[in-house]
N, C-alpha and C. Protein backbone atom coordinates (compact mmCIF):
# COMPACT_ATOMS: atom_id res chain seq x y z
N MET A 1 -32.24 12.68 -24.97
CA MET A 1 -31.02 12.07 -24.45
C MET A 1 -30.51 12.88 -23.26
N THR A 2 -30.20 12.21 -22.14
CA THR A 2 -29.76 12.91 -20.93
C THR A 2 -28.34 13.45 -21.10
N LYS A 3 -27.99 14.43 -20.25
CA LYS A 3 -26.66 15.04 -20.34
C LYS A 3 -25.53 14.02 -20.17
N PRO A 4 -25.58 13.15 -19.13
CA PRO A 4 -24.50 12.17 -19.00
C PRO A 4 -24.39 11.24 -20.20
N LEU A 5 -25.54 10.90 -20.81
CA LEU A 5 -25.53 10.00 -21.95
C LEU A 5 -24.92 10.67 -23.17
N ILE A 6 -25.23 11.96 -23.38
CA ILE A 6 -24.63 12.70 -24.49
C ILE A 6 -23.12 12.73 -24.33
N ARG A 7 -22.67 13.08 -23.14
CA ARG A 7 -21.22 13.15 -22.89
C ARG A 7 -20.56 11.79 -23.11
N GLU A 8 -21.15 10.74 -22.54
CA GLU A 8 -20.55 9.41 -22.65
C GLU A 8 -20.50 8.95 -24.11
N ARG A 9 -21.58 9.18 -24.83
CA ARG A 9 -21.63 8.73 -26.23
C ARG A 9 -20.55 9.41 -27.06
N ILE A 10 -20.37 10.70 -26.86
CA ILE A 10 -19.38 11.45 -27.63
C ILE A 10 -17.97 11.05 -27.24
N VAL A 11 -17.70 10.98 -25.96
CA VAL A 11 -16.35 10.66 -25.49
C VAL A 11 -15.94 9.26 -25.93
N ILE A 12 -16.82 8.30 -25.75
CA ILE A 12 -16.49 6.92 -26.13
C ILE A 12 -16.30 6.81 -27.64
N SER A 13 -17.11 7.54 -28.40
CA SER A 13 -16.96 7.52 -29.86
C SER A 13 -15.57 7.99 -30.27
N TRP A 14 -15.08 9.06 -29.67
CA TRP A 14 -13.75 9.57 -30.00
C TRP A 14 -12.66 8.61 -29.53
N PHE A 15 -12.82 8.06 -28.34
CA PHE A 15 -11.81 7.15 -27.81
C PHE A 15 -11.70 5.91 -28.70
N LEU A 16 -12.84 5.31 -29.04
CA LEU A 16 -12.81 4.09 -29.84
C LEU A 16 -12.30 4.35 -31.25
N SER A 17 -12.57 5.53 -31.79
CA SER A 17 -12.03 5.87 -33.10
C SER A 17 -10.51 5.93 -33.05
N GLY A 18 -9.97 6.48 -31.97
CA GLY A 18 -8.51 6.49 -31.80
C GLY A 18 -7.95 5.09 -31.62
N LEU A 19 -8.64 4.27 -30.85
CA LEU A 19 -8.20 2.89 -30.65
C LEU A 19 -8.21 2.12 -31.97
N GLU A 20 -9.21 2.39 -32.79
CA GLU A 20 -9.28 1.74 -34.10
C GLU A 20 -8.08 2.13 -34.98
N ASP A 21 -7.66 3.39 -34.89
CA ASP A 21 -6.46 3.81 -35.63
C ASP A 21 -5.24 3.02 -35.16
N PHE A 22 -5.11 2.84 -33.84
CA PHE A 22 -4.01 2.04 -33.31
C PHE A 22 -4.06 0.62 -33.86
N PHE A 23 -5.27 0.06 -33.92
CA PHE A 23 -5.42 -1.31 -34.40
C PHE A 23 -4.98 -1.44 -35.86
N TYR A 24 -5.40 -0.51 -36.70
CA TYR A 24 -5.00 -0.59 -38.11
C TYR A 24 -3.52 -0.30 -38.29
N ALA A 25 -2.97 0.54 -37.44
CA ALA A 25 -1.51 0.74 -37.47
C ALA A 25 -0.80 -0.57 -37.17
N PHE A 26 -1.29 -1.29 -36.16
CA PHE A 26 -0.71 -2.58 -35.80
C PHE A 26 -0.93 -3.60 -36.91
N LYS A 27 -2.09 -3.56 -37.52
CA LYS A 27 -2.47 -4.56 -38.52
C LYS A 27 -1.66 -4.44 -39.80
N ILE A 28 -1.47 -3.21 -40.29
CA ILE A 28 -0.74 -3.06 -41.54
C ILE A 28 0.76 -3.15 -41.33
N HIS A 29 1.23 -2.67 -40.17
CA HIS A 29 2.66 -2.69 -39.83
C HIS A 29 3.49 -2.33 -41.07
N SER A 30 3.11 -1.23 -41.68
CA SER A 30 3.71 -0.84 -42.96
C SER A 30 5.11 -0.27 -42.77
N PRO A 31 5.98 -0.43 -43.76
CA PRO A 31 7.28 0.25 -43.70
C PRO A 31 7.08 1.75 -43.86
N TRP A 32 8.14 2.47 -43.62
CA TRP A 32 8.18 3.93 -43.68
C TRP A 32 7.27 4.53 -42.63
N ARG A 33 6.33 5.39 -42.96
CA ARG A 33 5.70 6.22 -41.96
C ARG A 33 4.22 5.95 -41.70
N TYR A 34 3.62 4.96 -42.34
CA TYR A 34 2.17 4.84 -42.22
C TYR A 34 1.72 4.31 -40.86
N GLU A 35 2.45 3.40 -40.29
CA GLU A 35 2.11 2.93 -38.94
C GLU A 35 2.23 4.07 -37.93
N PRO A 36 3.34 4.82 -37.89
CA PRO A 36 3.42 5.95 -36.96
C PRO A 36 2.37 7.02 -37.24
N PHE A 37 2.03 7.22 -38.52
CA PHE A 37 1.01 8.22 -38.85
C PHE A 37 -0.32 7.85 -38.21
N LEU A 38 -0.74 6.59 -38.35
CA LEU A 38 -2.00 6.16 -37.75
C LEU A 38 -1.94 6.23 -36.23
N CYS A 39 -0.78 5.91 -35.66
CA CYS A 39 -0.63 6.05 -34.21
C CYS A 39 -0.78 7.50 -33.79
N SER A 40 -0.23 8.40 -34.58
CA SER A 40 -0.32 9.82 -34.28
C SER A 40 -1.77 10.30 -34.31
N ILE A 41 -2.52 9.86 -35.32
CA ILE A 41 -3.93 10.23 -35.43
C ILE A 41 -4.72 9.65 -34.26
N GLY A 42 -4.44 8.39 -33.92
CA GLY A 42 -5.13 7.77 -32.80
C GLY A 42 -4.85 8.47 -31.49
N PHE A 43 -3.60 8.85 -31.28
CA PHE A 43 -3.20 9.57 -30.07
C PHE A 43 -3.96 10.89 -29.98
N GLU A 44 -4.10 11.58 -31.11
CA GLU A 44 -4.85 12.84 -31.13
C GLU A 44 -6.30 12.63 -30.71
N LYS A 45 -6.96 11.61 -31.26
CA LYS A 45 -8.37 11.36 -30.96
C LYS A 45 -8.58 10.98 -29.50
N ILE A 46 -7.67 10.17 -28.96
CA ILE A 46 -7.81 9.75 -27.57
C ILE A 46 -7.56 10.93 -26.63
N SER A 47 -6.63 11.80 -26.99
CA SER A 47 -6.43 13.02 -26.21
C SER A 47 -7.69 13.87 -26.23
N LYS A 48 -8.29 14.00 -27.40
CA LYS A 48 -9.49 14.81 -27.53
C LYS A 48 -10.69 14.18 -26.83
N ALA A 49 -10.71 12.86 -26.72
CA ALA A 49 -11.78 12.20 -25.97
C ALA A 49 -11.80 12.71 -24.53
N TYR A 50 -10.62 12.78 -23.90
CA TYR A 50 -10.57 13.27 -22.53
C TYR A 50 -10.92 14.76 -22.47
N ILE A 51 -10.41 15.54 -23.41
CA ILE A 51 -10.68 16.97 -23.42
C ILE A 51 -12.17 17.24 -23.64
N LEU A 52 -12.82 16.42 -24.45
CA LEU A 52 -14.26 16.58 -24.65
C LEU A 52 -15.05 16.21 -23.40
N ALA A 53 -14.58 15.25 -22.65
CA ALA A 53 -15.21 14.96 -21.35
C ALA A 53 -15.04 16.15 -20.41
N LEU A 54 -13.87 16.73 -20.44
CA LEU A 54 -13.56 17.87 -19.58
C LEU A 54 -14.40 19.09 -19.92
N ASN A 55 -14.76 19.23 -21.19
CA ASN A 55 -15.52 20.40 -21.66
C ASN A 55 -16.97 20.07 -21.96
N ALA A 56 -17.51 19.06 -21.31
CA ALA A 56 -18.87 18.60 -21.61
C ALA A 56 -19.93 19.67 -21.37
N ALA A 57 -19.68 20.58 -20.43
CA ALA A 57 -20.67 21.63 -20.14
C ALA A 57 -20.96 22.50 -21.35
N LYS A 58 -20.06 22.50 -22.32
CA LYS A 58 -20.24 23.35 -23.50
C LYS A 58 -21.17 22.73 -24.54
N TYR A 59 -21.49 21.43 -24.38
CA TYR A 59 -22.35 20.80 -25.40
C TYR A 59 -23.44 19.91 -24.84
N GLU A 60 -23.35 19.47 -23.59
CA GLU A 60 -24.29 18.45 -23.12
C GLU A 60 -25.70 18.98 -22.87
N ASN A 61 -25.90 20.30 -22.84
CA ASN A 61 -27.24 20.86 -22.70
C ASN A 61 -27.90 21.15 -24.04
N LEU A 62 -27.19 20.89 -25.13
CA LEU A 62 -27.69 21.18 -26.46
C LEU A 62 -28.44 19.98 -27.04
N LYS A 63 -29.23 20.25 -28.07
CA LYS A 63 -29.84 19.15 -28.81
C LYS A 63 -28.73 18.35 -29.50
N TRP A 64 -29.03 17.10 -29.83
CA TRP A 64 -27.99 16.18 -30.29
C TRP A 64 -27.22 16.73 -31.50
N HIS A 65 -27.93 17.25 -32.49
CA HIS A 65 -27.24 17.79 -33.67
C HIS A 65 -26.36 18.97 -33.29
N ASP A 66 -26.88 19.86 -32.46
CA ASP A 66 -26.10 21.03 -32.03
C ASP A 66 -24.92 20.62 -31.17
N ALA A 67 -25.12 19.58 -30.36
CA ALA A 67 -24.03 19.07 -29.52
C ALA A 67 -22.88 18.57 -30.40
N LYS A 68 -23.22 17.85 -31.46
CA LYS A 68 -22.18 17.34 -32.37
C LYS A 68 -21.44 18.48 -33.07
N GLU A 69 -22.16 19.54 -33.42
CA GLU A 69 -21.52 20.70 -34.04
C GLU A 69 -20.55 21.37 -33.07
N MET A 70 -20.96 21.50 -31.81
CA MET A 70 -20.08 22.11 -30.82
C MET A 70 -18.84 21.24 -30.58
N VAL A 71 -19.03 19.94 -30.51
CA VAL A 71 -17.90 19.01 -30.35
C VAL A 71 -16.93 19.17 -31.51
N ASN A 72 -17.45 19.28 -32.70
CA ASN A 72 -16.60 19.47 -33.88
C ASN A 72 -15.77 20.75 -33.75
N CYS A 73 -16.38 21.81 -33.25
CA CYS A 73 -15.65 23.07 -33.06
C CYS A 73 -14.56 22.92 -32.00
N LEU A 74 -14.89 22.26 -30.89
CA LEU A 74 -13.91 22.06 -29.82
C LEU A 74 -12.72 21.23 -30.31
N ALA A 75 -13.01 20.22 -31.11
CA ALA A 75 -11.93 19.36 -31.62
C ALA A 75 -11.08 20.09 -32.64
N LYS A 76 -11.72 20.80 -33.56
CA LYS A 76 -10.98 21.53 -34.59
C LYS A 76 -10.09 22.61 -33.98
N LYS A 77 -10.58 23.23 -32.93
CA LYS A 77 -9.84 24.32 -32.29
C LYS A 77 -8.46 23.86 -31.82
N ARG A 78 -8.36 22.60 -31.44
CA ARG A 78 -7.10 22.08 -30.90
C ARG A 78 -6.19 21.48 -31.97
N GLY A 79 -6.70 21.32 -33.17
CA GLY A 79 -5.87 20.87 -34.27
C GLY A 79 -5.13 19.58 -33.94
N HIS A 80 -3.86 19.55 -34.35
CA HIS A 80 -3.01 18.39 -34.08
C HIS A 80 -1.86 18.78 -33.15
N HIS A 81 -2.13 19.71 -32.26
CA HIS A 81 -1.10 20.20 -31.34
C HIS A 81 -1.05 19.28 -30.12
N LEU A 82 -0.35 18.18 -30.25
CA LEU A 82 -0.38 17.13 -29.23
C LEU A 82 0.18 17.60 -27.90
N LYS A 83 1.28 18.34 -27.93
CA LYS A 83 1.89 18.79 -26.68
C LYS A 83 0.94 19.69 -25.90
N LYS A 84 0.21 20.55 -26.60
CA LYS A 84 -0.75 21.43 -25.93
C LYS A 84 -1.90 20.64 -25.34
N MET A 85 -2.37 19.63 -26.08
CA MET A 85 -3.47 18.82 -25.58
C MET A 85 -3.06 18.00 -24.36
N VAL A 86 -1.87 17.44 -24.41
CA VAL A 86 -1.38 16.67 -23.26
C VAL A 86 -1.23 17.57 -22.04
N LYS A 87 -0.76 18.78 -22.25
CA LYS A 87 -0.64 19.73 -21.14
C LYS A 87 -2.00 20.04 -20.55
N GLU A 88 -3.02 20.20 -21.40
CA GLU A 88 -4.38 20.46 -20.94
C GLU A 88 -4.89 19.29 -20.09
N ILE A 89 -4.59 18.08 -20.52
CA ILE A 89 -5.01 16.90 -19.76
C ILE A 89 -4.27 16.83 -18.43
N LYS A 90 -2.96 17.03 -18.48
CA LYS A 90 -2.15 16.95 -17.26
C LYS A 90 -2.58 17.97 -16.23
N ASN A 91 -3.04 19.13 -16.68
CA ASN A 91 -3.48 20.17 -15.75
C ASN A 91 -4.76 19.78 -15.02
N HIS A 92 -5.46 18.78 -15.54
CA HIS A 92 -6.73 18.39 -14.92
C HIS A 92 -6.67 17.10 -14.12
N VAL A 93 -5.89 16.13 -14.57
CA VAL A 93 -5.92 14.82 -13.92
C VAL A 93 -5.42 14.91 -12.49
N ASN A 94 -6.07 14.16 -11.64
CA ASN A 94 -5.67 14.11 -10.23
C ASN A 94 -4.83 12.86 -10.03
N ASP A 95 -3.54 13.01 -10.24
CA ASP A 95 -2.62 11.88 -10.17
C ASP A 95 -1.46 12.27 -9.28
N PRO A 96 -1.07 11.41 -8.34
CA PRO A 96 0.05 11.76 -7.46
C PRO A 96 1.34 11.99 -8.22
N ASP A 97 1.44 11.42 -9.40
CA ASP A 97 2.63 11.61 -10.23
C ASP A 97 2.16 12.03 -11.62
N PRO A 98 2.00 13.34 -11.85
CA PRO A 98 1.46 13.79 -13.14
C PRO A 98 2.24 13.28 -14.33
N GLU A 99 3.54 13.08 -14.17
CA GLU A 99 4.33 12.61 -15.30
C GLU A 99 4.03 11.16 -15.65
N SER A 100 3.30 10.46 -14.77
CA SER A 100 3.03 9.05 -15.06
C SER A 100 2.15 8.90 -16.30
N ILE A 101 1.44 9.95 -16.66
CA ILE A 101 0.63 9.87 -17.87
C ILE A 101 1.52 9.75 -19.10
N LEU A 102 2.77 10.12 -18.95
CA LEU A 102 3.69 10.11 -20.08
C LEU A 102 4.95 9.32 -19.78
N ASN A 103 4.86 8.34 -18.89
CA ASN A 103 6.03 7.53 -18.59
C ASN A 103 6.57 6.93 -19.88
N ASN A 104 7.80 7.22 -20.16
CA ASN A 104 8.37 6.75 -21.41
C ASN A 104 9.87 6.98 -21.37
N SER A 105 10.64 5.98 -21.73
CA SER A 105 12.08 6.18 -21.78
C SER A 105 12.69 5.19 -22.76
N SER A 106 13.81 5.54 -23.27
CA SER A 106 14.56 4.65 -24.16
C SER A 106 16.03 4.85 -23.88
N ALA A 107 16.66 3.82 -23.35
CA ALA A 107 18.08 3.95 -23.00
C ALA A 107 18.91 4.27 -24.24
N LYS A 108 18.47 3.73 -25.38
CA LYS A 108 19.24 3.94 -26.61
C LYS A 108 19.20 5.39 -27.06
N LEU A 109 18.01 5.96 -27.04
CA LEU A 109 17.85 7.33 -27.54
C LEU A 109 17.96 8.38 -26.45
N LYS A 110 17.91 7.92 -25.19
CA LYS A 110 17.86 8.85 -24.07
C LYS A 110 16.77 9.89 -24.29
N ASP A 111 15.62 9.42 -24.82
CA ASP A 111 14.55 10.36 -25.09
C ASP A 111 13.59 10.42 -23.91
N ASN A 112 12.60 11.27 -24.01
CA ASN A 112 11.60 11.41 -22.97
C ASN A 112 10.27 11.68 -23.63
N HIS A 113 9.25 11.95 -22.81
CA HIS A 113 7.93 12.13 -23.39
C HIS A 113 7.88 13.31 -24.35
N LYS A 114 8.67 14.35 -24.09
CA LYS A 114 8.68 15.51 -24.99
C LYS A 114 9.17 15.11 -26.37
N THR A 115 10.24 14.32 -26.41
CA THR A 115 10.77 13.85 -27.70
C THR A 115 9.74 12.99 -28.42
N THR A 116 9.05 12.13 -27.68
CA THR A 116 8.08 11.24 -28.30
C THR A 116 6.91 12.03 -28.86
N LEU A 117 6.44 13.04 -28.15
CA LEU A 117 5.36 13.87 -28.66
C LEU A 117 5.80 14.64 -29.91
N GLU A 118 7.02 15.13 -29.89
CA GLU A 118 7.55 15.82 -31.07
C GLU A 118 7.64 14.84 -32.25
N ALA A 119 8.06 13.61 -31.97
CA ALA A 119 8.13 12.59 -33.02
C ALA A 119 6.75 12.29 -33.58
N MET A 120 5.74 12.27 -32.71
CA MET A 120 4.40 11.98 -33.15
C MET A 120 3.85 13.10 -34.04
N GLU A 121 4.14 14.33 -33.68
CA GLU A 121 3.73 15.45 -34.52
C GLU A 121 4.47 15.42 -35.86
N ALA A 122 5.74 15.03 -35.82
CA ALA A 122 6.52 14.93 -37.06
C ALA A 122 5.98 13.82 -37.95
N ALA A 123 5.60 12.70 -37.36
CA ALA A 123 5.06 11.58 -38.14
C ALA A 123 3.80 12.00 -38.88
N TYR A 124 3.00 12.82 -38.25
CA TYR A 124 1.76 13.32 -38.86
C TYR A 124 2.06 14.08 -40.15
N LEU A 125 3.15 14.84 -40.16
CA LEU A 125 3.51 15.63 -41.33
C LEU A 125 4.30 14.82 -42.36
N GLU A 126 5.25 14.01 -41.89
CA GLU A 126 6.16 13.32 -42.81
C GLU A 126 5.46 12.30 -43.69
N CYS A 127 4.36 11.75 -43.22
CA CYS A 127 3.62 10.80 -44.04
C CYS A 127 2.79 11.51 -45.10
N ARG A 128 2.38 12.72 -44.82
CA ARG A 128 1.45 13.42 -45.71
C ARG A 128 2.15 14.27 -46.77
N TYR A 129 3.32 14.80 -46.42
CA TYR A 129 3.96 15.77 -47.31
C TYR A 129 5.45 15.46 -47.48
N PRO A 130 6.02 15.84 -48.63
CA PRO A 130 7.48 15.86 -48.74
C PRO A 130 8.00 16.99 -47.86
N VAL A 131 8.87 16.68 -46.94
CA VAL A 131 9.35 17.70 -46.00
C VAL A 131 10.83 17.99 -46.27
N PRO A 132 11.29 19.20 -45.95
CA PRO A 132 12.69 19.55 -46.23
C PRO A 132 13.69 18.79 -45.39
N SER A 133 13.29 18.38 -44.20
CA SER A 133 14.18 17.58 -43.35
C SER A 133 13.33 16.65 -42.50
N TYR A 134 13.92 15.52 -42.14
CA TYR A 134 13.18 14.51 -41.39
C TYR A 134 13.58 14.53 -39.92
N PHE A 135 12.62 14.11 -39.09
CA PHE A 135 12.82 14.19 -37.65
C PHE A 135 14.02 13.38 -37.19
N HIS A 136 14.24 12.22 -37.82
CA HIS A 136 15.34 11.36 -37.37
C HIS A 136 16.71 12.00 -37.57
N GLU A 137 16.79 13.02 -38.42
CA GLU A 137 18.07 13.68 -38.67
C GLU A 137 18.59 14.43 -37.44
N LYS A 138 17.73 14.58 -36.45
CA LYS A 138 18.15 15.20 -35.19
C LYS A 138 18.92 14.22 -34.30
N PHE A 139 18.95 12.93 -34.69
CA PHE A 139 19.52 11.90 -33.83
C PHE A 139 20.59 11.09 -34.57
N PRO A 140 21.66 11.72 -35.02
CA PRO A 140 22.74 10.98 -35.69
C PRO A 140 23.49 10.09 -34.71
N VAL A 141 23.97 8.97 -35.20
CA VAL A 141 24.84 8.10 -34.40
C VAL A 141 26.26 8.61 -34.59
N ALA A 142 26.78 9.27 -33.57
CA ALA A 142 28.05 9.99 -33.69
C ALA A 142 29.22 9.08 -34.01
N SER A 143 29.10 7.81 -33.64
CA SER A 143 30.23 6.90 -33.84
C SER A 143 30.33 6.37 -35.26
N ILE A 144 29.31 6.65 -36.09
CA ILE A 144 29.31 6.14 -37.46
C ILE A 144 29.29 7.33 -38.41
N LEU A 145 30.45 7.66 -38.95
CA LEU A 145 30.58 8.81 -39.84
C LEU A 145 31.27 8.39 -41.14
N VAL A 146 30.94 9.06 -42.21
CA VAL A 146 31.61 8.90 -43.49
C VAL A 146 32.05 10.28 -43.95
N ASN A 147 33.36 10.43 -44.10
CA ASN A 147 33.91 11.75 -44.46
C ASN A 147 33.45 12.84 -43.48
N GLY A 148 33.34 12.42 -42.22
CA GLY A 148 32.99 13.37 -41.18
C GLY A 148 31.51 13.66 -41.06
N HIS A 149 30.68 12.98 -41.86
CA HIS A 149 29.24 13.25 -41.84
C HIS A 149 28.48 12.00 -41.36
N PRO A 150 27.42 12.20 -40.59
CA PRO A 150 26.64 11.05 -40.12
C PRO A 150 25.89 10.38 -41.26
N VAL A 151 25.85 9.06 -41.23
CA VAL A 151 25.12 8.30 -42.24
C VAL A 151 24.10 7.35 -41.60
N VAL A 152 24.17 7.22 -40.29
CA VAL A 152 23.24 6.36 -39.56
C VAL A 152 22.57 7.19 -38.47
N TYR A 153 21.27 6.97 -38.31
CA TYR A 153 20.50 7.75 -37.34
C TYR A 153 19.64 6.83 -36.49
N ASP A 154 19.43 7.23 -35.25
CA ASP A 154 18.36 6.64 -34.45
C ASP A 154 17.06 7.30 -34.89
N ASP A 155 15.98 6.54 -34.85
CA ASP A 155 14.71 7.06 -35.36
C ASP A 155 13.60 6.84 -34.35
N PRO A 156 13.25 7.86 -33.55
CA PRO A 156 12.16 7.70 -32.58
C PRO A 156 10.84 7.31 -33.22
N ILE A 157 10.59 7.79 -34.44
CA ILE A 157 9.32 7.50 -35.10
C ILE A 157 9.21 6.02 -35.46
N GLY A 158 10.31 5.41 -35.82
CA GLY A 158 10.28 4.01 -36.22
C GLY A 158 10.52 3.02 -35.10
N SER A 159 10.64 3.49 -33.86
CA SER A 159 10.98 2.60 -32.76
C SER A 159 9.73 1.95 -32.16
N THR A 160 9.90 0.77 -31.57
CA THR A 160 8.78 0.13 -30.87
C THR A 160 8.36 0.96 -29.67
N ASN A 161 9.26 1.76 -29.16
CA ASN A 161 8.95 2.64 -28.04
C ASN A 161 7.81 3.59 -28.39
N PHE A 162 7.76 3.99 -29.64
CA PHE A 162 6.72 4.90 -30.14
C PHE A 162 5.34 4.26 -29.97
N VAL A 163 5.21 3.01 -30.41
CA VAL A 163 3.94 2.31 -30.33
C VAL A 163 3.58 1.99 -28.88
N ASN A 164 4.57 1.56 -28.10
CA ASN A 164 4.30 1.26 -26.69
C ASN A 164 3.83 2.49 -25.93
N PHE A 165 4.38 3.64 -26.28
CA PHE A 165 3.97 4.90 -25.68
C PHE A 165 2.49 5.16 -25.94
N CYS A 166 2.04 4.93 -27.17
CA CYS A 166 0.63 5.12 -27.51
C CYS A 166 -0.27 4.19 -26.70
N ALA A 167 0.15 2.94 -26.58
CA ALA A 167 -0.64 1.97 -25.82
C ALA A 167 -0.74 2.36 -24.36
N SER A 168 0.37 2.77 -23.78
CA SER A 168 0.40 3.18 -22.38
C SER A 168 -0.48 4.40 -22.15
N PHE A 169 -0.39 5.37 -23.06
CA PHE A 169 -1.18 6.59 -22.95
C PHE A 169 -2.67 6.29 -23.03
N ALA A 170 -3.08 5.45 -23.99
CA ALA A 170 -4.49 5.10 -24.13
C ALA A 170 -5.02 4.43 -22.87
N GLY A 171 -4.23 3.53 -22.30
CA GLY A 171 -4.64 2.88 -21.06
C GLY A 171 -4.81 3.86 -19.93
N LYS A 172 -3.88 4.82 -19.83
CA LYS A 172 -3.97 5.85 -18.80
C LYS A 172 -5.23 6.69 -18.97
N ILE A 173 -5.51 7.10 -20.20
CA ILE A 173 -6.68 7.93 -20.44
C ILE A 173 -7.96 7.17 -20.10
N SER A 174 -8.02 5.88 -20.43
CA SER A 174 -9.21 5.10 -20.08
C SER A 174 -9.43 5.07 -18.58
N LYS A 175 -8.35 4.99 -17.81
CA LYS A 175 -8.47 4.98 -16.35
C LYS A 175 -8.90 6.35 -15.83
N TYR A 176 -8.35 7.42 -16.42
CA TYR A 176 -8.74 8.77 -16.00
C TYR A 176 -10.20 9.07 -16.35
N LEU A 177 -10.68 8.56 -17.48
CA LEU A 177 -12.08 8.75 -17.85
C LEU A 177 -13.00 8.08 -16.83
N LYS A 178 -12.63 6.90 -16.39
CA LYS A 178 -13.43 6.19 -15.39
C LYS A 178 -13.37 6.90 -14.04
N LYS A 179 -12.19 7.29 -13.64
CA LYS A 179 -12.00 7.90 -12.33
C LYS A 179 -12.65 9.28 -12.22
N ASN A 180 -12.48 10.10 -13.25
CA ASN A 180 -12.90 11.50 -13.16
C ASN A 180 -14.27 11.78 -13.76
N PHE A 181 -14.76 10.89 -14.65
CA PHE A 181 -16.04 11.15 -15.31
C PHE A 181 -16.98 9.95 -15.30
N ASP A 182 -16.56 8.85 -14.70
CA ASP A 182 -17.35 7.63 -14.65
C ASP A 182 -17.73 7.15 -16.06
N ILE A 183 -16.80 7.28 -16.98
CA ILE A 183 -17.00 6.78 -18.34
C ILE A 183 -16.09 5.58 -18.53
N SER A 184 -16.68 4.44 -18.82
CA SER A 184 -15.92 3.19 -18.89
C SER A 184 -15.68 2.76 -20.33
N ILE A 185 -14.46 2.33 -20.59
CA ILE A 185 -14.14 1.66 -21.85
C ILE A 185 -14.13 0.17 -21.55
N SER A 186 -15.23 -0.49 -21.85
CA SER A 186 -15.38 -1.89 -21.47
C SER A 186 -14.69 -2.82 -22.46
N ARG A 187 -14.58 -4.08 -22.08
CA ARG A 187 -13.99 -5.08 -22.98
C ARG A 187 -14.84 -5.23 -24.25
N LYS A 188 -16.15 -5.15 -24.08
CA LYS A 188 -17.02 -5.27 -25.25
C LYS A 188 -16.78 -4.12 -26.22
N ARG A 189 -16.62 -2.93 -25.69
CA ARG A 189 -16.34 -1.78 -26.55
C ARG A 189 -14.95 -1.90 -27.18
N PHE A 190 -14.00 -2.34 -26.39
CA PHE A 190 -12.65 -2.57 -26.92
C PHE A 190 -12.69 -3.55 -28.08
N ASP A 191 -13.40 -4.66 -27.89
CA ASP A 191 -13.46 -5.70 -28.92
C ASP A 191 -14.22 -5.23 -30.17
N SER A 192 -15.06 -4.20 -30.02
CA SER A 192 -15.86 -3.74 -31.16
C SER A 192 -15.01 -3.15 -32.28
N VAL A 193 -13.79 -2.73 -31.97
CA VAL A 193 -12.92 -2.16 -33.01
C VAL A 193 -11.74 -3.07 -33.32
N VAL A 194 -11.71 -4.24 -32.72
CA VAL A 194 -10.59 -5.17 -32.90
C VAL A 194 -11.13 -6.48 -33.45
N ASN A 195 -10.75 -6.82 -34.66
CA ASN A 195 -11.23 -8.07 -35.25
C ASN A 195 -10.28 -8.53 -36.33
N GLY A 196 -10.45 -9.77 -36.75
CA GLY A 196 -9.61 -10.30 -37.82
C GLY A 196 -8.34 -10.97 -37.32
N ASN A 197 -7.45 -11.27 -38.25
CA ASN A 197 -6.26 -12.05 -37.95
C ASN A 197 -5.30 -11.36 -37.00
N ALA A 198 -5.31 -10.04 -36.97
CA ALA A 198 -4.35 -9.31 -36.15
C ALA A 198 -4.85 -9.05 -34.73
N SER A 199 -6.08 -9.47 -34.43
CA SER A 199 -6.68 -9.08 -33.16
C SER A 199 -5.95 -9.66 -31.95
N ASP A 200 -5.49 -10.91 -32.04
CA ASP A 200 -4.82 -11.52 -30.89
C ASP A 200 -3.52 -10.79 -30.56
N GLY A 201 -2.72 -10.51 -31.58
CA GLY A 201 -1.47 -9.81 -31.36
C GLY A 201 -1.69 -8.41 -30.81
N PHE A 202 -2.71 -7.73 -31.34
CA PHE A 202 -3.02 -6.39 -30.86
C PHE A 202 -3.43 -6.42 -29.40
N CYS A 203 -4.30 -7.34 -29.05
CA CYS A 203 -4.75 -7.45 -27.66
C CYS A 203 -3.59 -7.77 -26.72
N ASN A 204 -2.69 -8.63 -27.17
CA ASN A 204 -1.53 -8.96 -26.34
C ASN A 204 -0.69 -7.73 -26.04
N ARG A 205 -0.60 -6.82 -27.00
CA ARG A 205 0.21 -5.61 -26.79
C ARG A 205 -0.55 -4.57 -25.96
N TYR A 206 -1.84 -4.38 -26.25
CA TYR A 206 -2.56 -3.25 -25.67
C TYR A 206 -3.28 -3.55 -24.37
N LEU A 207 -3.83 -4.76 -24.23
CA LEU A 207 -4.68 -5.03 -23.07
C LEU A 207 -3.92 -4.96 -21.75
N GLN A 208 -2.62 -5.15 -21.79
CA GLN A 208 -1.84 -5.07 -20.55
C GLN A 208 -1.91 -3.68 -19.93
N TYR A 209 -2.27 -2.68 -20.72
CA TYR A 209 -2.34 -1.31 -20.23
C TYR A 209 -3.74 -0.91 -19.77
N PHE A 210 -4.73 -1.78 -20.02
CA PHE A 210 -6.12 -1.45 -19.73
C PHE A 210 -6.65 -2.28 -18.56
N THR A 211 -7.64 -1.72 -17.88
CA THR A 211 -8.40 -2.47 -16.89
C THR A 211 -9.84 -2.51 -17.38
N LEU A 212 -10.24 -3.63 -17.97
CA LEU A 212 -11.57 -3.77 -18.57
C LEU A 212 -12.30 -4.87 -17.82
N ASN A 213 -13.20 -4.48 -16.94
CA ASN A 213 -13.83 -5.45 -16.06
C ASN A 213 -15.22 -5.88 -16.49
N ASP A 214 -15.92 -5.01 -17.20
CA ASP A 214 -17.31 -5.31 -17.52
C ASP A 214 -17.44 -5.68 -18.99
N SER A 215 -18.66 -5.97 -19.39
CA SER A 215 -18.90 -6.38 -20.77
C SER A 215 -19.99 -5.55 -21.42
N THR A 216 -20.28 -4.38 -20.86
CA THR A 216 -21.38 -3.56 -21.39
C THR A 216 -20.84 -2.53 -22.35
């Protein structure tokens, strides 16, 4: 297997695995934290897809089994530290507006990409473990108090902005992979992880962020 083929196979595998997580998050649309949890996992994999393309020199000269072992080490090393991974990506992409990779705003929450990344890391934990405090407790609605204490909160994790942010980020990464590494996420590959009754709704939400011109 040639070096470019090893890199492409690994990067696309990670990207599509993340996209599949987004699809199942959309499909189950579960209450509480399971949809955000899957979005968080998908965001991690798509971030690592770009980072693995960036670090291809560390594995593309190895035999296939050894290459997969090295990829596993590179991915494990970064854990679920989303803010660090996004910073690593931003330091590499050649974009006139580096912040465009994280364009995100919510007039209601007055949040930004930093808040959304923190919410995504929190979602990863809150779904898996009983936690002493929840992320939404940082966002009380000051105008609604009972005996001087907040009882209503804005919740970045449960907002549609959270899901839209993931879709926008995935689309950006697909464009950066094509521009910087000539790795394409085609419509055929996109469709390979999207099927069933929820596929039309998912495509309506996500495809607006992608440029998928070929069918290979």
